[in-house]
Amino acid sequence: MNSPLSRRTVTASLLAGAAALGTAGVAQATPATGATRRRSPHKPKTPTVVLIHGAFADASSWRGVVERLRNDGHSVLAPALPLRGLASDSAYIRSVLDSVTGPVVVVGHSYGGAVISQAAADHPRVKALVYIAAFVPEVGESALQLTDKFPGSTVGQATTTRHYPLPGGGEGEEL
């Protein structure tokens, strides 16, 4: 997410999602002039954007996206995943979604896609899910189960627990 093109693409995607929700009047800077269009008082409240990071990152990975979205007038949350497992992480994010009033757009990157698929299922205020290079499992399906559907995937190899002998006996685990 450090390249300007990536941030611009993500911001454009999120703004397009907001427009699709009937919030086309959201404040938006135009790249050529820097001019800003202001939201009409007749337009509905823009959705809160909730950004969920992947397994090998933290919430700070969204810093540039958060800054751009806030500059464009959006409410943004980027909670840190506890990384305790899909069920636990999804329950935590569900509690974050429950705390937001008004419409919500939830964005997941990598493992965060699996989390948002579970956390946002049937949530009354979630209006859109955005997956950025993310897992998109069915509800109840883990990212590892999803990779089993695609022979040759190396994700399962990277996430499989490996055992190795410890000095003095026993086995250790390597994730």
N, C-alpha and C. Protein backbone atom coordinates (compact mmCIF):
# COMPACT_ATOMS: atom_id res chain seq x y z
N MET A 1 0.81 -1.20 0.00
CA MET A 1 0.00 0.00 0.00
C MET A 1 0.85 1.26 0.00
N ASN A 2 2.14 1.16 -0.17
CA ASN A 2 2.99 2.33 -0.13
C ASN A 2 3.08 3.06 -1.46
N SER A 3 2.77 2.42 -2.57
CA SER A 3 2.86 3.11 -3.85
C SER A 3 1.66 4.02 -4.03
N PRO A 4 1.88 5.22 -4.62
CA PRO A 4 0.77 6.14 -4.83
C PRO A 4 -0.34 5.52 -5.66
N LEU A 5 0.01 4.70 -6.65
CA LEU A 5 -1.01 4.07 -7.48
C LEU A 5 -1.91 3.18 -6.65
N SER A 6 -1.34 2.39 -5.74
CA SER A 6 -2.13 1.51 -4.89
C SER A 6 -3.08 2.30 -4.02
N ARG A 7 -2.59 3.35 -3.39
CA ARG A 7 -3.46 4.16 -2.53
C ARG A 7 -4.56 4.81 -3.35
N ARG A 8 -4.21 5.31 -4.53
CA ARG A 8 -5.20 5.97 -5.38
C ARG A 8 -6.26 4.95 -5.82
N THR A 9 -5.81 3.76 -6.18
CA THR A 9 -6.74 2.72 -6.61
C THR A 9 -7.67 2.33 -5.47
N VAL A 10 -7.11 2.14 -4.27
CA VAL A 10 -7.93 1.76 -3.11
C VAL A 10 -8.91 2.87 -2.78
N THR A 11 -8.44 4.11 -2.76
CA THR A 11 -9.32 5.23 -2.45
C THR A 11 -10.43 5.32 -3.50
N ALA A 12 -10.07 5.18 -4.78
CA ALA A 12 -11.08 5.25 -5.84
C ALA A 12 -12.09 4.13 -5.68
N SER A 13 -11.62 2.94 -5.33
CA SER A 13 -12.53 1.80 -5.15
C SER A 13 -13.49 2.06 -4.00
N LEU A 14 -12.97 2.58 -2.90
CA LEU A 14 -13.82 2.84 -1.75
C LEU A 14 -14.81 3.96 -2.06
N LEU A 15 -14.37 4.99 -2.77
CA LEU A 15 -15.27 6.06 -3.12
C LEU A 15 -16.33 5.57 -4.11
N ALA A 16 -15.95 4.69 -5.02
CA ALA A 16 -16.93 4.11 -5.94
C ALA A 16 -17.95 3.30 -5.16
N GLY A 17 -17.49 2.57 -4.16
CA GLY A 17 -18.41 1.81 -3.31
C GLY A 17 -19.37 2.73 -2.57
N ALA A 18 -18.85 3.84 -2.08
CA ALA A 18 -19.70 4.82 -1.40
C ALA A 18 -20.73 5.40 -2.36
N ALA A 19 -20.30 5.68 -3.60
CA ALA A 19 -21.23 6.21 -4.59
C ALA A 19 -22.34 5.22 -4.89
N ALA A 20 -21.98 3.95 -4.94
CA ALA A 20 -22.98 2.92 -5.21
C ALA A 20 -24.00 2.81 -4.09
N LEU A 21 -23.62 3.26 -2.91
CA LEU A 21 -24.54 3.22 -1.78
C LEU A 21 -25.43 4.46 -1.72
N GLY A 22 -25.35 5.30 -2.74
CA GLY A 22 -26.19 6.49 -2.76
C GLY A 22 -25.54 7.67 -2.07
N THR A 23 -24.23 7.64 -1.96
CA THR A 23 -23.53 8.75 -1.31
C THR A 23 -22.61 9.41 -2.32
N ALA A 24 -23.07 9.55 -3.55
CA ALA A 24 -22.22 10.11 -4.60
C ALA A 24 -21.82 11.55 -4.31
N GLY A 25 -22.52 12.23 -3.43
CA GLY A 25 -22.17 13.60 -3.13
C GLY A 25 -21.10 13.74 -2.07
N VAL A 26 -20.44 12.67 -1.70
CA VAL A 26 -19.41 12.72 -0.68
C VAL A 26 -18.29 13.67 -1.09
N ALA A 27 -17.67 14.35 -0.13
CA ALA A 27 -16.58 15.25 -0.44
C ALA A 27 -15.46 14.49 -1.13
N GLN A 28 -14.99 15.04 -2.25
CA GLN A 28 -14.01 14.33 -3.05
C GLN A 28 -13.08 15.35 -3.70
N ALA A 29 -11.77 15.18 -3.53
CA ALA A 29 -10.83 16.08 -4.19
C ALA A 29 -10.57 15.57 -5.59
N THR A 30 -10.51 16.49 -6.55
CA THR A 30 -10.18 16.09 -7.91
C THR A 30 -8.68 16.23 -8.09
N PRO A 31 -8.00 15.20 -8.64
CA PRO A 31 -6.55 15.22 -8.74
C PRO A 31 -6.00 16.39 -9.53
N ALA A 32 -6.65 16.78 -10.61
CA ALA A 32 -6.11 17.82 -11.48
C ALA A 32 -6.11 19.19 -10.82
N THR A 33 -7.17 19.54 -10.11
CA THR A 33 -7.30 20.89 -9.58
C THR A 33 -7.14 20.98 -8.08
N GLY A 34 -7.34 19.87 -7.39
CA GLY A 34 -7.33 19.90 -5.93
C GLY A 34 -8.63 20.48 -5.38
N ALA A 35 -9.56 20.86 -6.28
CA ALA A 35 -10.84 21.41 -5.83
C ALA A 35 -11.63 20.34 -5.12
N THR A 36 -12.45 20.75 -4.20
CA THR A 36 -13.25 19.79 -3.43
C THR A 36 -14.72 20.03 -3.65
N ARG A 37 -15.44 18.96 -3.94
CA ARG A 37 -16.90 19.03 -4.02
C ARG A 37 -17.43 18.74 -2.63
N ARG A 38 -18.35 19.50 -2.17
CA ARG A 38 -18.92 19.32 -0.84
C ARG A 38 -20.20 18.50 -0.90
N ARG A 39 -20.42 17.74 0.14
CA ARG A 39 -21.61 16.91 0.25
C ARG A 39 -22.84 17.80 0.44
N SER A 40 -23.86 17.51 -0.30
CA SER A 40 -25.11 18.23 -0.18
C SER A 40 -25.77 17.86 1.15
N PRO A 41 -26.45 18.81 1.80
CA PRO A 41 -27.12 18.46 3.06
C PRO A 41 -28.26 17.47 2.86
N HIS A 42 -28.67 17.23 1.62
CA HIS A 42 -29.75 16.30 1.34
C HIS A 42 -29.27 14.87 1.14
N LYS A 43 -27.99 14.69 1.07
CA LYS A 43 -27.44 13.35 0.85
C LYS A 43 -27.36 12.59 2.17
N PRO A 44 -27.49 11.28 2.11
CA PRO A 44 -27.36 10.49 3.34
C PRO A 44 -25.92 10.52 3.86
N LYS A 45 -25.78 10.21 5.13
CA LYS A 45 -24.47 10.17 5.77
C LYS A 45 -23.57 9.18 5.03
N THR A 46 -22.30 9.56 4.84
CA THR A 46 -21.37 8.64 4.20
C THR A 46 -21.12 7.46 5.14
N PRO A 47 -20.86 6.30 4.57
CA PRO A 47 -20.61 5.15 5.43
C PRO A 47 -19.28 5.27 6.16
N THR A 48 -19.23 4.66 7.32
CA THR A 48 -17.95 4.52 8.02
C THR A 48 -17.19 3.40 7.33
N VAL A 49 -15.94 3.64 7.03
CA VAL A 49 -15.10 2.64 6.38
C VAL A 49 -14.29 1.95 7.47
N VAL A 50 -14.41 0.63 7.56
CA VAL A 50 -13.66 -0.16 8.54
C VAL A 50 -12.64 -0.99 7.78
N LEU A 51 -11.37 -0.75 8.05
CA LEU A 51 -10.26 -1.39 7.34
C LEU A 51 -9.66 -2.50 8.19
N ILE A 52 -9.61 -3.72 7.65
CA ILE A 52 -9.10 -4.87 8.39
C ILE A 52 -7.83 -5.38 7.71
N HIS A 53 -6.75 -5.41 8.45
CA HIS A 53 -5.45 -5.81 7.91
C HIS A 53 -5.31 -7.32 7.84
N GLY A 54 -4.26 -7.78 7.21
CA GLY A 54 -3.98 -9.20 7.07
C GLY A 54 -3.21 -9.76 8.26
N ALA A 55 -2.84 -11.02 8.15
CA ALA A 55 -2.21 -11.74 9.26
C ALA A 55 -0.77 -11.30 9.51
N PHE A 56 -0.06 -10.88 8.50
CA PHE A 56 1.34 -10.54 8.68
C PHE A 56 1.54 -9.03 8.63
N ALA A 57 0.60 -8.31 9.20
CA ALA A 57 0.62 -6.84 9.21
C ALA A 57 -0.06 -6.38 10.49
N ASP A 58 -0.18 -5.08 10.62
CA ASP A 58 -0.97 -4.52 11.71
C ASP A 58 -1.76 -3.34 11.17
N ALA A 59 -2.56 -2.73 12.01
CA ALA A 59 -3.46 -1.67 11.56
C ALA A 59 -2.71 -0.48 10.96
N SER A 60 -1.46 -0.28 11.34
CA SER A 60 -0.70 0.84 10.79
C SER A 60 -0.46 0.70 9.29
N SER A 61 -0.62 -0.50 8.74
CA SER A 61 -0.43 -0.70 7.30
C SER A 61 -1.46 0.09 6.49
N TRP A 62 -2.55 0.49 7.12
CA TRP A 62 -3.59 1.26 6.45
C TRP A 62 -3.38 2.77 6.60
N ARG A 63 -2.31 3.21 7.24
CA ARG A 63 -2.11 4.63 7.59
C ARG A 63 -2.37 5.57 6.41
N GLY A 64 -1.76 5.31 5.26
CA GLY A 64 -1.95 6.20 4.11
C GLY A 64 -3.38 6.22 3.61
N VAL A 65 -4.04 5.06 3.62
CA VAL A 65 -5.43 4.97 3.17
C VAL A 65 -6.34 5.71 4.16
N VAL A 66 -6.09 5.52 5.45
CA VAL A 66 -6.89 6.20 6.47
C VAL A 66 -6.78 7.71 6.28
N GLU A 67 -5.57 8.20 6.09
CA GLU A 67 -5.35 9.64 5.92
C GLU A 67 -6.11 10.18 4.71
N ARG A 68 -6.01 9.48 3.60
CA ARG A 68 -6.69 9.95 2.37
C ARG A 68 -8.20 9.92 2.53
N LEU A 69 -8.72 8.85 3.10
CA LEU A 69 -10.18 8.76 3.27
C LEU A 69 -10.69 9.83 4.23
N ARG A 70 -9.97 10.05 5.31
CA ARG A 70 -10.38 11.11 6.26
C ARG A 70 -10.31 12.49 5.61
N ASN A 71 -9.26 12.71 4.82
CA ASN A 71 -9.15 13.99 4.10
C ASN A 71 -10.31 14.18 3.13
N ASP A 72 -10.87 13.08 2.65
CA ASP A 72 -12.02 13.13 1.75
C ASP A 72 -13.35 13.15 2.50
N GLY A 73 -13.30 13.25 3.83
CA GLY A 73 -14.51 13.40 4.62
C GLY A 73 -15.14 12.13 5.16
N HIS A 74 -14.45 11.00 5.06
CA HIS A 74 -15.00 9.74 5.56
C HIS A 74 -14.62 9.49 7.01
N SER A 75 -15.52 8.85 7.73
CA SER A 75 -15.18 8.30 9.05
C SER A 75 -14.49 6.97 8.78
N VAL A 76 -13.37 6.74 9.44
CA VAL A 76 -12.58 5.54 9.18
C VAL A 76 -12.15 4.91 10.49
N LEU A 77 -12.24 3.58 10.55
CA LEU A 77 -11.69 2.81 11.67
C LEU A 77 -10.74 1.77 11.09
N ALA A 78 -9.62 1.57 11.77
CA ALA A 78 -8.67 0.52 11.37
C ALA A 78 -8.26 -0.21 12.65
N PRO A 79 -9.14 -1.08 13.15
CA PRO A 79 -8.83 -1.79 14.40
C PRO A 79 -7.73 -2.83 14.18
N ALA A 80 -6.96 -3.07 15.22
CA ALA A 80 -5.93 -4.11 15.17
C ALA A 80 -6.58 -5.46 15.43
N LEU A 81 -6.31 -6.41 14.54
CA LEU A 81 -6.80 -7.77 14.76
C LEU A 81 -6.01 -8.41 15.88
N PRO A 82 -6.67 -9.14 16.77
CA PRO A 82 -5.94 -9.84 17.83
C PRO A 82 -5.12 -11.02 17.31
N LEU A 83 -5.47 -11.52 16.11
CA LEU A 83 -4.79 -12.66 15.49
C LEU A 83 -4.78 -13.88 16.41
N ARG A 84 -5.97 -14.24 16.88
CA ARG A 84 -6.15 -15.40 17.77
C ARG A 84 -6.86 -16.55 17.07
N GLY A 85 -7.15 -16.39 15.79
CA GLY A 85 -7.88 -17.41 15.04
C GLY A 85 -9.09 -16.78 14.39
N LEU A 86 -9.57 -17.40 13.32
CA LEU A 86 -10.65 -16.82 12.54
C LEU A 86 -11.91 -16.56 13.35
N ALA A 87 -12.34 -17.50 14.16
CA ALA A 87 -13.58 -17.32 14.94
C ALA A 87 -13.43 -16.17 15.93
N SER A 88 -12.33 -16.14 16.64
CA SER A 88 -12.09 -15.10 17.64
C SER A 88 -11.93 -13.73 16.98
N ASP A 89 -11.13 -13.67 15.92
CA ASP A 89 -10.91 -12.40 15.23
C ASP A 89 -12.21 -11.88 14.62
N SER A 90 -13.01 -12.77 14.06
CA SER A 90 -14.29 -12.37 13.46
C SER A 90 -15.25 -11.86 14.53
N ALA A 91 -15.28 -12.51 15.67
CA ALA A 91 -16.15 -12.05 16.76
C ALA A 91 -15.73 -10.67 17.24
N TYR A 92 -14.43 -10.45 17.33
CA TYR A 92 -13.93 -9.14 17.75
C TYR A 92 -14.34 -8.06 16.74
N ILE A 93 -14.14 -8.33 15.45
CA ILE A 93 -14.49 -7.35 14.43
C ILE A 93 -16.00 -7.15 14.38
N ARG A 94 -16.78 -8.19 14.63
CA ARG A 94 -18.23 -8.04 14.71
C ARG A 94 -18.59 -7.05 15.81
N SER A 95 -17.89 -7.12 16.95
CA SER A 95 -18.16 -6.18 18.04
C SER A 95 -17.78 -4.75 17.64
N VAL A 96 -16.75 -4.60 16.85
CA VAL A 96 -16.38 -3.28 16.34
C VAL A 96 -17.50 -2.77 15.42
N LEU A 97 -17.98 -3.62 14.52
CA LEU A 97 -19.07 -3.23 13.62
C LEU A 97 -20.33 -2.87 14.40
N ASP A 98 -20.60 -3.60 15.47
CA ASP A 98 -21.77 -3.32 16.31
C ASP A 98 -21.68 -1.94 16.97
N SER A 99 -20.47 -1.44 17.16
CA SER A 99 -20.28 -0.15 17.84
C SER A 99 -20.46 1.05 16.90
N VAL A 100 -20.53 0.79 15.61
CA VAL A 100 -20.64 1.88 14.63
C VAL A 100 -22.11 2.18 14.36
N THR A 101 -22.46 3.45 14.38
CA THR A 101 -23.82 3.84 14.01
C THR A 101 -23.80 4.25 12.55
N GLY A 102 -24.86 3.97 11.85
CA GLY A 102 -24.95 4.31 10.45
C GLY A 102 -24.37 3.23 9.55
N PRO A 103 -24.39 3.48 8.25
CA PRO A 103 -23.92 2.48 7.29
C PRO A 103 -22.41 2.24 7.40
N VAL A 104 -22.00 1.02 7.03
CA VAL A 104 -20.59 0.63 7.15
C VAL A 104 -20.15 -0.05 5.86
N VAL A 105 -18.95 0.29 5.40
CA VAL A 105 -18.27 -0.43 4.33
C VAL A 105 -17.06 -1.07 4.98
N VAL A 106 -16.93 -2.39 4.83
CA VAL A 106 -15.84 -3.12 5.49
C VAL A 106 -14.86 -3.59 4.41
N VAL A 107 -13.59 -3.32 4.67
CA VAL A 107 -12.52 -3.64 3.72
C VAL A 107 -11.57 -4.63 4.37
N GLY A 108 -11.24 -5.70 3.66
CA GLY A 108 -10.30 -6.68 4.18
C GLY A 108 -9.17 -6.93 3.23
N HIS A 109 -7.97 -7.01 3.77
CA HIS A 109 -6.79 -7.36 2.97
C HIS A 109 -6.28 -8.73 3.41
N SER A 110 -6.00 -9.61 2.47
CA SER A 110 -5.43 -10.93 2.71
C SER A 110 -6.30 -11.71 3.70
N TYR A 111 -5.74 -12.13 4.82
CA TYR A 111 -6.49 -12.85 5.85
C TYR A 111 -7.69 -12.02 6.33
N GLY A 112 -7.56 -10.71 6.29
CA GLY A 112 -8.67 -9.84 6.69
C GLY A 112 -9.92 -10.08 5.87
N GLY A 113 -9.78 -10.59 4.64
CA GLY A 113 -10.94 -10.94 3.83
C GLY A 113 -11.74 -12.06 4.46
N ALA A 114 -11.04 -13.06 5.00
CA ALA A 114 -11.74 -14.16 5.68
C ALA A 114 -12.44 -13.63 6.93
N VAL A 115 -11.78 -12.73 7.63
CA VAL A 115 -12.36 -12.15 8.86
C VAL A 115 -13.62 -11.37 8.54
N ILE A 116 -13.58 -10.51 7.52
CA ILE A 116 -14.77 -9.70 7.24
C ILE A 116 -15.91 -10.55 6.70
N SER A 117 -15.59 -11.63 5.98
CA SER A 117 -16.65 -12.52 5.48
C SER A 117 -17.46 -13.08 6.64
N GLN A 118 -16.78 -13.44 7.72
CA GLN A 118 -17.45 -14.01 8.89
C GLN A 118 -18.11 -12.90 9.73
N ALA A 119 -17.35 -11.84 9.99
CA ALA A 119 -17.82 -10.79 10.91
C ALA A 119 -19.03 -10.03 10.38
N ALA A 120 -19.08 -9.82 9.08
CA ALA A 120 -20.13 -8.98 8.50
C ALA A 120 -21.36 -9.76 8.05
N ALA A 121 -21.31 -11.08 8.15
CA ALA A 121 -22.44 -11.90 7.68
C ALA A 121 -23.74 -11.46 8.34
N ASP A 122 -24.69 -11.05 7.51
CA ASP A 122 -26.02 -10.63 7.97
C ASP A 122 -26.02 -9.44 8.92
N HIS A 123 -24.94 -8.67 8.94
CA HIS A 123 -24.93 -7.48 9.81
C HIS A 123 -25.82 -6.41 9.18
N PRO A 124 -26.76 -5.86 9.92
CA PRO A 124 -27.74 -4.95 9.32
C PRO A 124 -27.18 -3.64 8.80
N ARG A 125 -26.04 -3.16 9.31
CA ARG A 125 -25.51 -1.88 8.87
C ARG A 125 -24.41 -2.00 7.83
N VAL A 126 -23.95 -3.21 7.57
CA VAL A 126 -22.90 -3.40 6.56
C VAL A 126 -23.53 -3.33 5.18
N LYS A 127 -23.09 -2.35 4.40
CA LYS A 127 -23.66 -2.12 3.07
C LYS A 127 -22.78 -2.68 1.96
N ALA A 128 -21.49 -2.89 2.24
CA ALA A 128 -20.60 -3.41 1.21
C ALA A 128 -19.36 -4.03 1.86
N LEU A 129 -18.84 -5.05 1.20
CA LEU A 129 -17.57 -5.65 1.58
C LEU A 129 -16.61 -5.42 0.42
N VAL A 130 -15.40 -5.01 0.73
CA VAL A 130 -14.38 -4.77 -0.28
C VAL A 130 -13.21 -5.68 0.04
N TYR A 131 -12.80 -6.49 -0.93
CA TYR A 131 -11.69 -7.42 -0.75
C TYR A 131 -10.50 -6.93 -1.55
N ILE A 132 -9.38 -6.72 -0.88
CA ILE A 132 -8.17 -6.26 -1.55
C ILE A 132 -7.12 -7.35 -1.40
N ALA A 133 -6.82 -8.04 -2.51
CA ALA A 133 -5.87 -9.16 -2.50
C ALA A 133 -6.17 -10.02 -1.27
N ALA A 134 -7.41 -10.48 -1.19
CA ALA A 134 -7.90 -11.08 0.04
C ALA A 134 -8.54 -12.44 -0.20
N PHE A 135 -8.63 -13.22 0.88
CA PHE A 135 -9.38 -14.46 0.87
C PHE A 135 -10.87 -14.10 0.90
N VAL A 136 -11.67 -14.82 0.11
CA VAL A 136 -13.11 -14.60 0.08
C VAL A 136 -13.79 -15.95 0.31
N PRO A 137 -13.73 -16.44 1.55
CA PRO A 137 -14.34 -17.74 1.84
C PRO A 137 -15.84 -17.64 2.05
N GLU A 138 -16.49 -18.78 1.97
CA GLU A 138 -17.89 -18.86 2.35
C GLU A 138 -17.95 -18.71 3.87
N VAL A 139 -19.12 -18.32 4.40
CA VAL A 139 -19.27 -18.22 5.84
C VAL A 139 -18.99 -19.59 6.46
N GLY A 140 -18.13 -19.63 7.45
CA GLY A 140 -17.77 -20.87 8.12
C GLY A 140 -16.56 -21.57 7.52
N GLU A 141 -16.08 -21.09 6.38
CA GLU A 141 -14.92 -21.69 5.71
C GLU A 141 -13.66 -20.91 6.07
N SER A 142 -12.61 -21.62 6.46
CA SER A 142 -11.35 -20.95 6.82
C SER A 142 -10.54 -20.66 5.56
N ALA A 143 -9.54 -19.80 5.69
CA ALA A 143 -8.65 -19.50 4.57
C ALA A 143 -7.92 -20.76 4.13
N LEU A 144 -7.53 -21.59 5.08
CA LEU A 144 -6.83 -22.82 4.73
C LEU A 144 -7.75 -23.78 3.98
N GLN A 145 -9.01 -23.89 4.40
CA GLN A 145 -9.97 -24.73 3.67
C GLN A 145 -10.18 -24.20 2.26
N LEU A 146 -10.19 -22.89 2.12
CA LEU A 146 -10.36 -22.28 0.81
C LEU A 146 -9.19 -22.64 -0.11
N THR A 147 -7.98 -22.65 0.42
CA THR A 147 -6.82 -22.98 -0.43
C THR A 147 -6.84 -24.43 -0.88
N ASP A 148 -7.49 -25.30 -0.12
CA ASP A 148 -7.59 -26.71 -0.52
C ASP A 148 -8.38 -26.87 -1.82
N LYS A 149 -9.20 -25.89 -2.17
CA LYS A 149 -9.98 -25.94 -3.40
C LYS A 149 -9.12 -25.67 -4.63
N PHE A 150 -7.92 -25.15 -4.42
CA PHE A 150 -7.06 -24.76 -5.53
C PHE A 150 -5.75 -25.53 -5.47
N PRO A 151 -5.70 -26.69 -6.13
CA PRO A 151 -4.48 -27.50 -6.12
C PRO A 151 -3.28 -26.68 -6.60
N GLY A 152 -2.16 -26.89 -5.95
CA GLY A 152 -0.95 -26.17 -6.31
C GLY A 152 -0.73 -24.90 -5.53
N SER A 153 -1.72 -24.50 -4.71
CA SER A 153 -1.56 -23.30 -3.90
C SER A 153 -0.47 -23.53 -2.87
N THR A 154 0.35 -22.51 -2.64
CA THR A 154 1.41 -22.62 -1.64
C THR A 154 1.00 -22.05 -0.29
N VAL A 155 -0.19 -21.45 -0.22
CA VAL A 155 -0.63 -20.88 1.05
C VAL A 155 -0.76 -21.95 2.11
N GLY A 156 -1.34 -23.08 1.78
CA GLY A 156 -1.49 -24.17 2.74
C GLY A 156 -0.15 -24.64 3.27
N GLN A 157 0.86 -24.68 2.41
CA GLN A 157 2.19 -25.08 2.84
C GLN A 157 2.76 -24.07 3.83
N ALA A 158 2.51 -22.82 3.59
CA ALA A 158 3.05 -21.78 4.46
C ALA A 158 2.36 -21.74 5.82
N THR A 159 1.12 -22.23 5.89
CA THR A 159 0.38 -22.14 7.15
C THR A 159 0.25 -23.47 7.87
N THR A 160 0.86 -24.51 7.35
CA THR A 160 0.78 -25.82 7.98
C THR A 160 1.79 -25.89 9.12
N THR A 161 1.37 -26.45 10.25
CA THR A 161 2.26 -26.61 11.38
C THR A 161 3.26 -27.71 11.08
N ARG A 162 4.52 -27.43 11.33
CA ARG A 162 5.56 -28.43 11.14
C ARG A 162 6.13 -28.76 12.51
N HIS A 163 6.43 -30.02 12.72
CA HIS A 163 7.01 -30.47 13.98
C HIS A 163 8.48 -30.77 13.77
N TYR A 164 9.28 -30.48 14.78
CA TYR A 164 10.70 -30.78 14.72
C TYR A 164 11.14 -31.26 16.10
N PRO A 165 12.17 -32.12 16.13
CA PRO A 165 12.60 -32.65 17.44
C PRO A 165 13.32 -31.59 18.27
N LEU A 166 13.08 -31.62 19.56
CA LEU A 166 13.76 -30.73 20.50
C LEU A 166 14.91 -31.47 21.17
N PRO A 167 15.97 -30.76 21.48
CA PRO A 167 17.06 -31.41 22.23
C PRO A 167 16.51 -31.97 23.54
N GLY A 168 16.85 -33.15 23.87
CA GLY A 168 16.37 -33.79 25.09
C GLY A 168 15.02 -34.48 24.90
N GLY A 169 14.51 -34.52 23.69
CA GLY A 169 13.25 -35.22 23.42
C GLY A 169 12.07 -34.29 23.23
N GLY A 170 11.01 -34.83 22.75
CA GLY A 170 9.79 -34.07 22.50
C GLY A 170 9.84 -33.40 21.14
N GLU A 171 8.77 -32.69 20.84
CA GLU A 171 8.67 -31.99 19.56
C GLU A 171 8.27 -30.54 19.78
N GLY A 172 8.80 -29.68 18.95
CA GLY A 172 8.39 -28.29 18.91
C GLY A 172 7.51 -28.09 17.70
N GLU A 173 6.85 -26.94 17.64
CA GLU A 173 6.00 -26.63 16.49
C GLU A 173 6.54 -25.39 15.81
N GLU A 174 6.51 -25.40 14.52
CA GLU A 174 6.89 -24.26 13.72
C GLU A 174 5.69 -23.92 12.87
N LEU A 175 5.24 -22.68 12.93
CA LEU A 175 4.07 -22.28 12.13
C LEU A 175 4.50 -21.81 10.78
